PDB file of N, CA and C in Angstrom:
ATOM      1  N   MET A   1      86.924 -71.845-147.834  1.00  0.00           N
ATOM      2  CA  MET A   1      86.135 -71.113-146.869  1.00  0.00           C
ATOM      3  C   MET A   1      85.810 -71.993-145.652  1.00  0.00           C
ATOM      4  N   LEU A   2      85.522 -73.243-145.915  1.00  0.00           N
ATOM      5  CA  LEU A   2      85.199 -74.175-144.830  1.00  0.00           C
ATOM      6  C   LEU A   2      86.413 -74.389-143.933  1.00  0.00           C
ATOM      7  N   ARG A   3      87.598 -74.430-144.524  1.00  0.00           N
ATOM      8  CA  ARG A   3      88.823 -74.592-143.722  1.00  0.00           C
ATOM      9  C   ARG A   3      89.016 -73.424-142.765  1.00  0.00           C
ATOM     10  N   ILE A   4      88.770 -72.240-143.211  1.00  0.00           N
ATOM     11  CA  ILE A   4      88.931 -71.048-142.360  1.00  0.00           C
ATOM     12  C   ILE A   4      87.946 -71.111-141.193  1.00  0.00           C
ATOM     13  N   LEU A   5      86.730 -71.502-141.462  1.00  0.00           N
ATOM     14  CA  LEU A   5      85.725 -71.629-140.404  1.00  0.00           C
ATOM     15  C   LEU A   5      86.135 -72.699-139.388  1.00  0.00           C
ATOM     16  N   LEU A   6      86.600 -73.847-139.854  1.00  0.00           N
ATOM     17  CA  LEU A   6      87.022 -74.919-138.950  1.00  0.00           C
ATOM     18  C   LEU A   6      88.256 -74.510-138.137  1.00  0.00           C
ATOM     19  N   LEU A   7      89.194 -73.834-138.773  1.00  0.00           N
ATOM     20  CA  LEU A   7      90.373 -73.356-138.039  1.00  0.00           C
ATOM     21  C   LEU A   7      89.990 -72.320-136.980  1.00  0.00           C
ATOM     22  N   THR A   8      89.062 -71.458-137.292  1.00  0.00           N
ATOM     23  CA  THR A   8      88.594 -70.457-136.332  1.00  0.00           C
ATOM     24  C   THR A   8      87.941 -71.144-135.127  1.00  0.00           C
ATOM     25  N   ILE A   9      87.113 -72.118-135.382  1.00  0.00           N
ATOM     26  CA  ILE A   9      86.467 -72.865-134.291  1.00  0.00           C
ATOM     27  C   ILE A   9      87.515 -73.610-133.470  1.00  0.00           C
ATOM     28  N   LEU A  10      88.494 -74.198-134.118  1.00  0.00           N
ATOM     29  CA  LEU A  10      89.548 -74.919-133.416  1.00  0.00           C
ATOM     30  C   LEU A  10      90.361 -73.976-132.529  1.00  0.00           C
ATOM     31  N   PHE A  11      90.750 -72.827-133.059  1.00  0.00           N
ATOM     32  CA  PHE A  11      91.491 -71.852-132.250  1.00  0.00           C
ATOM     33  C   PHE A  11      90.663 -71.361-131.063  1.00  0.00           C
ATOM     34  N   PHE A  12      89.368 -71.169-131.286  1.00  0.00           N
ATOM     35  CA  PHE A  12      88.495 -70.726-130.204  1.00  0.00           C
ATOM     36  C   PHE A  12      88.414 -71.787-129.099  1.00  0.00           C
ATOM     37  N   LEU A  13      88.302 -73.044-129.463  1.00  0.00           N
ATOM     38  CA  LEU A  13      88.246 -74.118-128.467  1.00  0.00           C
ATOM     39  C   LEU A  13      89.567 -74.235-127.702  1.00  0.00           C
ATOM     40  N   VAL A  14      90.675 -74.089-128.396  1.00  0.00           N
ATOM     41  CA  VAL A  14      91.980 -74.119-127.727  1.00  0.00           C
ATOM     42  C   VAL A  14      92.097 -72.943-126.762  1.00  0.00           C
ATOM     43  N   PHE A  15      91.621 -71.781-127.196  1.00  0.00           N
ATOM     44  CA  PHE A  15      91.634 -70.603-126.320  1.00  0.00           C
ATOM     45  C   PHE A  15      90.828 -70.858-125.043  1.00  0.00           C
ATOM     46  N   LEU A  16      89.639 -71.439-125.167  1.00  0.00           N
ATOM     47  CA  LEU A  16      88.813 -71.734-123.993  1.00  0.00           C
ATOM     48  C   LEU A  16      89.501 -72.730-123.052  1.00  0.00           C
ATOM     49  N   LEU A  17      90.147 -73.747-123.625  1.00  0.00           N
ATOM     50  CA  LEU A  17      90.842 -74.734-122.799  1.00  0.00           C
ATOM     51  C   LEU A  17      92.007 -74.099-122.034  1.00  0.00           C
ATOM     52  N   VAL A  18      92.784 -73.272-122.690  1.00  0.00           N
ATOM     53  CA  VAL A  18      93.915 -72.617-122.038  1.00  0.00           C
ATOM     54  C   VAL A  18      93.429 -71.676-120.944  1.00  0.00           C
ATOM     55  N   ARG A  19      92.379 -70.928-121.221  1.00  0.00           N
ATOM     56  CA  ARG A  19      91.841 -69.993-120.216  1.00  0.00           C
ATOM     57  C   ARG A  19      91.314 -70.756-118.995  1.00  0.00           C
ATOM     58  N   ASN A  20      90.621 -71.858-119.214  1.00  0.00           N
ATOM     59  CA  ASN A  20      90.097 -72.669-118.116  1.00  0.00           C
ATOM     60  C   ASN A  20      91.236 -73.269-117.298  1.00  0.00           C
ATOM     61  N   PHE A  21      92.268 -73.753-117.963  1.00  0.00           N
ATOM     62  CA  PHE A  21      93.424 -74.314-117.265  1.00  0.00           C
ATOM     63  C   PHE A  21      94.116 -73.256-116.401  1.00  0.00           C
ATOM     64  N   ALA A  22      94.286 -72.049-116.936  1.00  0.00           N
ATOM     65  CA  ALA A  22      94.931 -70.966-116.179  1.00  0.00           C
ATOM     66  C   ALA A  22      94.103 -70.596-114.946  1.00  0.00           C
ATOM     67  N   ALA A  23      92.787 -70.570-115.083  1.00  0.00           N
ATOM     68  CA  ALA A  23      91.922 -70.249-113.940  1.00  0.00           C
ATOM     69  C   ALA A  23      92.007 -71.336-112.871  1.00  0.00           C
ATOM     70  N   THR A  24      92.088 -72.597-113.279  1.00  0.00           N
ATOM     71  CA  THR A  24      92.208 -73.707-112.334  1.00  0.00           C
ATOM     72  C   THR A  24      93.526 -73.637-111.566  1.00  0.00           C
ATOM     73  N   VAL A  25      94.609 -73.331-112.267  1.00  0.00           N
ATOM     74  CA  VAL A  25      95.908 -73.208-111.610  1.00  0.00           C
ATOM     75  C   VAL A  25      95.886 -72.058-110.599  1.00  0.00           C
ATOM     76  N   ALA A  26      95.257 -70.949-110.943  1.00  0.00           N
ATOM     77  CA  ALA A  26      95.178 -69.804-110.029  1.00  0.00           C
ATOM     78  C   ALA A  26      94.377 -70.159-108.782  1.00  0.00           C
ATOM     79  N   ARG A  27      93.283 -70.901-108.935  1.00  0.00           N
ATOM     80  CA  ARG A  27      92.485 -71.298-107.769  1.00  0.00           C
ATOM     81  C   ARG A  27      93.265 -72.228-106.852  1.00  0.00           C
ATOM     82  N   ARG A  28      94.003 -73.169-107.436  1.00  0.00           N
ATOM     83  CA  ARG A  28      94.802 -74.085-106.614  1.00  0.00           C
ATOM     84  C   ARG A  28      95.895 -73.350-105.864  1.00  0.00           C
ATOM     85  N   LYS A  29      96.501 -72.381-106.503  1.00  0.00           N
ATOM     86  CA  LYS A  29      97.557 -71.612-105.864  1.00  0.00           C
ATOM     87  C   LYS A  29      97.001 -70.860-104.654  1.00  0.00           C
ATOM     88  N   ASP A  30      95.792 -70.302-104.773  1.00  0.00           N
ATOM     89  CA  ASP A  30      95.171 -69.579-103.660  1.00  0.00           C
ATOM     90  C   ASP A  30      94.820 -70.515-102.513  1.00  0.00           C
ATOM     91  N   ARG A  31      94.455 -71.740-102.837  1.00  0.00           N
ATOM     92  CA  ARG A  31      94.046 -72.682-101.799  1.00  0.00           C
ATOM     93  C   ARG A  31      95.221 -73.078-100.906  1.00  0.00           C
ATOM     94  N   PHE A  32      96.420 -73.141-101.466  1.00  0.00           N
ATOM     95  CA  PHE A  32      97.575 -73.556-100.691  1.00  0.00           C
ATOM     96  C   PHE A  32      98.407 -72.391-100.180  1.00  0.00           C
ATOM     97  N   ALA A  33      97.948 -71.184-100.396  1.00  0.00           N
ATOM     98  CA  ALA A  33      98.679 -70.006 -99.926  1.00  0.00           C
ATOM     99  C   ALA A  33      98.512 -69.875 -98.412  1.00  0.00           C
ATOM    100  N   PRO A  34      99.517 -69.376 -97.701  1.00  0.00           N
ATOM    101  CA  PRO A  34      99.369 -69.177 -96.267  1.00  0.00           C
ATOM    102  C   PRO A  34      98.337 -68.090 -95.983  1.00  0.00           C
ATOM    103  N   PRO A  35      97.708 -68.125 -94.815  1.00  0.00           N
ATOM    104  CA  PRO A  35      96.703 -67.113 -94.506  1.00  0.00           C
ATOM    105  C   PRO A  35      97.342 -65.727 -94.429  1.00  0.00           C
ATOM    106  N   PRO A  36      96.590 -64.707 -94.778  1.00  0.00           N
ATOM    107  CA  PRO A  36      97.159 -63.360 -94.720  1.00  0.00           C
ATOM    108  C   PRO A  36      97.402 -62.932 -93.273  1.00  0.00           C
ATOM    109  N   GLY A  37      98.362 -62.076 -93.082  1.00  0.00           N
ATOM    110  CA  GLY A  37      98.665 -61.570 -91.754  1.00  0.00           C
ATOM    111  C   GLY A  37      99.733 -62.390 -91.074  1.00  0.00           C
ATOM    112  N   PRO A  38     100.156 -61.926 -89.913  1.00  0.00           N
ATOM    113  CA  PRO A  38     101.218 -62.636 -89.192  1.00  0.00           C
ATOM    114  C   PRO A  38     100.718 -63.956 -88.614  1.00  0.00           C
ATOM    115  N   LEU A  39     101.604 -64.930 -88.575  1.00  0.00           N
ATOM    116  CA  LEU A  39     101.269 -66.218 -87.974  1.00  0.00           C
ATOM    117  C   LEU A  39     101.370 -66.100 -86.464  1.00  0.00           C
ATOM    118  N   LYS A  40     100.417 -66.663 -85.776  1.00  0.00           N
ATOM    119  CA  LYS A  40     100.414 -66.605 -84.312  1.00  0.00           C
ATOM    120  C   LYS A  40     100.985 -67.897 -83.762  1.00  0.00           C
ATOM    121  N   SER A  41     101.892 -67.760 -82.826  1.00  0.00           N
ATOM    122  CA  SER A  41     102.444 -68.949 -82.191  1.00  0.00           C
ATOM    123  C   SER A  41     101.832 -69.075 -80.804  1.00  0.00           C
ATOM    124  N   GLU A  42     101.871 -70.279 -80.294  1.00  0.00           N
ATOM    125  CA  GLU A  42     101.273 -70.540 -78.994  1.00  0.00           C
ATOM    126  C   GLU A  42     102.204 -71.442 -78.196  1.00  0.00           C
ATOM    127  N   ASP A  43     102.245 -71.218 -76.905  1.00  0.00           N
ATOM    128  CA  ASP A  43     103.089 -72.033 -76.041  1.00  0.00           C
ATOM    129  C   ASP A  43     102.489 -73.428 -75.874  1.00  0.00           C
ATOM    130  N   LEU A  44     103.375 -74.401 -75.790  1.00  0.00           N
ATOM    131  CA  LEU A  44     102.962 -75.769 -75.508  1.00  0.00           C
ATOM    132  C   LEU A  44     103.175 -76.048 -74.034  1.00  0.00           C
ATOM    133  N   VAL A  45     102.273 -76.815 -73.467  1.00  0.00           N
ATOM    134  CA  VAL A  45     102.393 -77.216 -72.060  1.00  0.00           C
ATOM    135  C   VAL A  45     102.421 -78.738 -72.008  1.00  0.00           C
ATOM    136  N   GLN A  46     103.058 -79.260 -70.966  1.00  0.00           N
ATOM    137  CA  GLN A  46     103.190 -80.713 -70.849  1.00  0.00           C
ATOM    138  C   GLN A  46     102.224 -81.246 -69.796  1.00  0.00           C
ATOM    139  N   ASP A  47     101.526 -82.290 -70.169  1.00  0.00           N
ATOM    140  CA  ASP A  47     100.626 -82.976 -69.253  1.00  0.00           C
ATOM    141  C   ASP A  47     101.486 -83.724 -68.231  1.00  0.00           C
ATOM    142  N   PRO A  48     101.285 -83.489 -66.913  1.00  0.00           N
ATOM    143  CA  PRO A  48     102.108 -84.172 -65.921  1.00  0.00           C
ATOM    144  C   PRO A  48     101.794 -85.661 -65.781  1.00  0.00           C
ATOM    145  N   CYS A  49     100.661 -86.101 -66.308  1.00  0.00           N
ATOM    146  CA  CYS A  49     100.289 -87.513 -66.190  1.00  0.00           C
ATOM    147  C   CYS A  49     100.879 -88.340 -67.330  1.00  0.00           C
ATOM    148  N   CYS A  50     100.590 -87.963 -68.571  1.00  0.00           N
ATOM    149  CA  CYS A  50     101.038 -88.770 -69.711  1.00  0.00           C
ATOM    150  C   CYS A  50     102.230 -88.150 -70.445  1.00  0.00           C
ATOM    151  N   ARG A  51     102.678 -87.000 -70.017  1.00  0.00           N
ATOM    152  CA  ARG A  51     103.854 -86.296 -70.562  1.00  0.00           C
ATOM    153  C   ARG A  51     103.668 -85.836 -72.015  1.00  0.00           C
ATOM    154  N   LYS A  52     102.424 -85.734 -72.446  1.00  0.00           N
ATOM    155  CA  LYS A  52     102.119 -85.296 -73.806  1.00  0.00           C
ATOM    156  C   LYS A  52     102.128 -83.760 -73.848  1.00  0.00           C
ATOM    157  N   TYR A  53     102.626 -83.175 -74.948  1.00  0.00           N
ATOM    158  CA  TYR A  53     102.622 -81.727 -75.124  1.00  0.00           C
ATOM    159  C   TYR A  53     101.376 -81.313 -75.902  1.00  0.00           C
ATOM    160  N   ILE A  54     100.690 -80.286 -75.401  1.00  0.00           N
ATOM    161  CA  ILE A  54      99.495 -79.769 -76.056  1.00  0.00           C
ATOM    162  C   ILE A  54      99.516 -78.239 -76.054  1.00  0.00           C
ATOM    163  N   PRO A  55      98.842 -77.597 -77.013  1.00  0.00           N
ATOM    164  CA  PRO A  55      98.752 -76.139 -76.982  1.00  0.00           C
ATOM    165  C   PRO A  55      98.005 -75.686 -75.726  1.00  0.00           C
ATOM    166  N   GLU A  56      98.446 -74.595 -75.169  1.00  0.00           N
ATOM    167  CA  GLU A  56      97.869 -74.123 -73.909  1.00  0.00           C
ATOM    168  C   GLU A  56      96.372 -73.840 -74.033  1.00  0.00           C
ATOM    169  N   SER A  57      95.924 -73.348 -75.192  1.00  0.00           N
ATOM    170  CA  SER A  57      94.504 -73.028 -75.360  1.00  0.00           C
ATOM    171  C   SER A  57      93.626 -74.273 -75.400  1.00  0.00           C
ATOM    172  N   GLU A  58      94.187 -75.438 -75.761  1.00  0.00           N
ATOM    173  CA  GLU A  58      93.409 -76.675 -75.841  1.00  0.00           C
ATOM    174  C   GLU A  58      93.517 -77.522 -74.576  1.00  0.00           C
ATOM    175  N   ALA A  59      94.345 -77.113 -73.653  1.00  0.00           N
ATOM    176  CA  ALA A  59      94.608 -77.928 -72.460  1.00  0.00           C
ATOM    177  C   ALA A  59      93.472 -77.814 -71.450  1.00  0.00           C
ATOM    178  N   PHE A  60      93.274 -78.882 -70.692  1.00  0.00           N
ATOM    179  CA  PHE A  60      92.339 -78.892 -69.574  1.00  0.00           C
ATOM    180  C   PHE A  60      93.097 -78.351 -68.358  1.00  0.00           C
ATOM    181  N   ARG A  61      92.618 -77.237 -67.801  1.00  0.00           N
ATOM    182  CA  ARG A  61      93.320 -76.593 -66.685  1.00  0.00           C
ATOM    183  C   ARG A  61      92.724 -77.044 -65.355  1.00  0.00           C
ATOM    184  N   ALA A  62      93.597 -77.245 -64.405  1.00  0.00           N
ATOM    185  CA  ALA A  62      93.162 -77.616 -63.057  1.00  0.00           C
ATOM    186  C   ALA A  62      94.108 -76.971 -62.061  1.00  0.00           C
ATOM    187  N   SER A  63      93.558 -76.623 -60.928  1.00  0.00           N
ATOM    188  CA  SER A  63      94.367 -76.013 -59.880  1.00  0.00           C
ATOM    189  C   SER A  63      94.453 -76.990 -58.709  1.00  0.00           C
ATOM    190  N   LEU A  64      95.662 -77.439 -58.418  1.00  0.00           N
ATOM    191  CA  LEU A  64      95.910 -78.334 -57.290  1.00  0.00           C
ATOM    192  C   LEU A  64      97.009 -77.724 -56.437  1.00  0.00           C
ATOM    193  N   ASN A  65      96.780 -77.628 -55.145  1.00  0.00           N
ATOM    194  CA  ASN A  65      97.754 -77.070 -54.204  1.00  0.00           C
ATOM    195  C   ASN A  65      98.220 -75.681 -54.645  1.00  0.00           C
ATOM    196  N   ASN A  66      97.278 -74.840 -55.035  1.00  0.00           N
ATOM    197  CA  ASN A  66      97.558 -73.472 -55.485  1.00  0.00           C
ATOM    198  C   ASN A  66      98.518 -73.426 -56.671  1.00  0.00           C
ATOM    199  N   GLU A  67      98.507 -74.449 -57.495  1.00  0.00           N
ATOM    200  CA  GLU A  67      99.344 -74.505 -58.696  1.00  0.00           C
ATOM    201  C   GLU A  67      98.459 -74.882 -59.879  1.00  0.00           C
ATOM    202  N   THR A  68      98.573 -74.141 -60.971  1.00  0.00           N
ATOM    203  CA  THR A  68      97.794 -74.442 -62.171  1.00  0.00           C
ATOM    204  C   THR A  68      98.532 -75.493 -62.979  1.00  0.00           C
ATOM    205  N   LEU A  69      97.831 -76.577 -63.254  1.00  0.00           N
ATOM    206  CA  LEU A  69      98.384 -77.669 -64.049  1.00  0.00           C
ATOM    207  C   LEU A  69      97.564 -77.810 -65.329  1.00  0.00           C
ATOM    208  N   TYR A  70      98.212 -78.246 -66.389  1.00  0.00           N
ATOM    209  CA  TYR A  70      97.555 -78.407 -67.679  1.00  0.00           C
ATOM    210  C   TYR A  70      97.571 -79.886 -68.062  1.00  0.00           C
ATOM    211  N   PHE A  71      96.394 -80.377 -68.474  1.00  0.00           N
ATOM    212  CA  PHE A  71      96.245 -81.781 -68.844  1.00  0.00           C
ATOM    213  C   PHE A  71      95.685 -81.876 -70.260  1.00  0.00           C
ATOM    214  N   CYS A  72      95.956 -83.007 -70.926  1.00  0.00           N
ATOM    215  CA  CYS A  72      95.441 -83.184 -72.286  1.00  0.00           C
ATOM    216  C   CYS A  72      93.952 -83.511 -72.268  1.00  0.00           C
ATOM    217  N   SER A  73      93.452 -84.052 -71.158  1.00  0.00           N
ATOM    218  CA  SER A  73      92.036 -84.398 -71.068  1.00  0.00           C
ATOM    219  C   SER A  73      91.623 -84.490 -69.596  1.00  0.00           C
ATOM    220  N   ARG A  74      90.329 -84.566 -69.403  1.00  0.00           N
ATOM    221  CA  ARG A  74      89.810 -84.722 -68.042  1.00  0.00           C
ATOM    222  C   ARG A  74      90.218 -86.079 -67.474  1.00  0.00           C
ATOM    223  N   GLU A  75      90.306 -87.093 -68.339  1.00  0.00           N
ATOM    224  CA  GLU A  75      90.699 -88.429 -67.888  1.00  0.00           C
ATOM    225  C   GLU A  75      92.111 -88.416 -67.304  1.00  0.00           C
ATOM    226  N   CYS A  76      93.033 -87.713 -67.951  1.00  0.00           N
ATOM    227  CA  CYS A  76      94.396 -87.624 -67.417  1.00  0.00           C
ATOM    228  C   CYS A  76      94.400 -86.863 -66.089  1.00  0.00           C
ATOM    229  N   PHE A  77      93.555 -85.852 -65.989  1.00  0.00           N
ATOM    230  CA  PHE A  77      93.451 -85.117 -64.723  1.00  0.00           C
ATOM    231  C   PHE A  77      92.969 -86.036 -63.608  1.00  0.00           C
ATOM    232  N   GLU A  78      91.956 -86.854 -63.902  1.00  0.00           N
ATOM    233  CA  GLU A  78      91.422 -87.772 -62.886  1.00  0.00           C
ATOM    234  C   GLU A  78      92.474 -88.808 -62.477  1.00  0.00           C
ATOM    235  N   LYS A  79      93.229 -89.336 -63.462  1.00  0.00           N
ATOM    236  CA  LYS A  79      94.292 -90.298 -63.132  1.00  0.00           C
ATOM    237  C   LYS A  79      95.365 -89.635 -62.261  1.00  0.00           C
ATOM    238  N   TYR A  80      95.739 -88.432 -62.602  1.00  0.00           N
ATOM    239  CA  TYR A  80      96.767 -87.712 -61.848  1.00  0.00           C
ATOM    240  C   TYR A  80      96.282 -87.433 -60.428  1.00  0.00           C
ATOM    241  N   LYS A  81      95.032 -87.001 -60.319  1.00  0.00           N
ATOM    242  CA  LYS A  81      94.470 -86.682 -59.012  1.00  0.00           C
ATOM    243  C   LYS A  81      94.347 -87.945 -58.147  1.00  0.00           C
ATOM    244  N   ALA A  82      93.970 -89.067 -58.747  1.00  0.00           N
ATOM    245  CA  ALA A  82      93.829 -90.329 -58.007  1.00  0.00           C
ATOM    246  C   ALA A  82      95.197 -90.841 -57.558  1.00  0.00           C
ATOM    247  N   GLY A  83      96.191 -90.655 -58.359  1.00  0.00           N
ATOM    248  CA  GLY A  83      97.543 -91.120 -58.014  1.00  0.00           C
ATOM    249  C   GLY A  83      98.222 -90.233 -56.996  1.00  0.00           C
ATOM    250  N   GLU A  84      97.794 -88.998 -56.885  1.00  0.00           N
ATOM    251  CA  GLU A  84      98.433 -88.051 -55.960  1.00  0.00           C
ATOM    252  C   GLU A  84      97.971 -88.285 -54.522  1.00  0.00           C
ATOM    253  N   LYS A  85      96.749 -88.744 -54.346  1.00  0.00           N
ATOM    254  CA  LYS A  85      96.205 -88.905 -52.977  1.00  0.00           C
ATOM    255  C   LYS A  85      96.746 -90.126 -52.296  1.00  0.00           C
TER     256      LYS A  85
END
């Protein structure tokens, strides 16, 4: 009778371990899944001062001589503006 009780407890503990492992694997899979919906792409623009490419939404915009220029930072804009004069 004691053996049956111990085997039942052992099977129950194994069941809990397997269930916990399966839940952990499912959570990890969700964490690395791509976001739902279509992926959005964005154009890259080149900084005329340092020639670095940056996404257009993150670029520092400046208008010089009626032309819109994109810079990676305000510092690059200042260097470009100082070198142009």
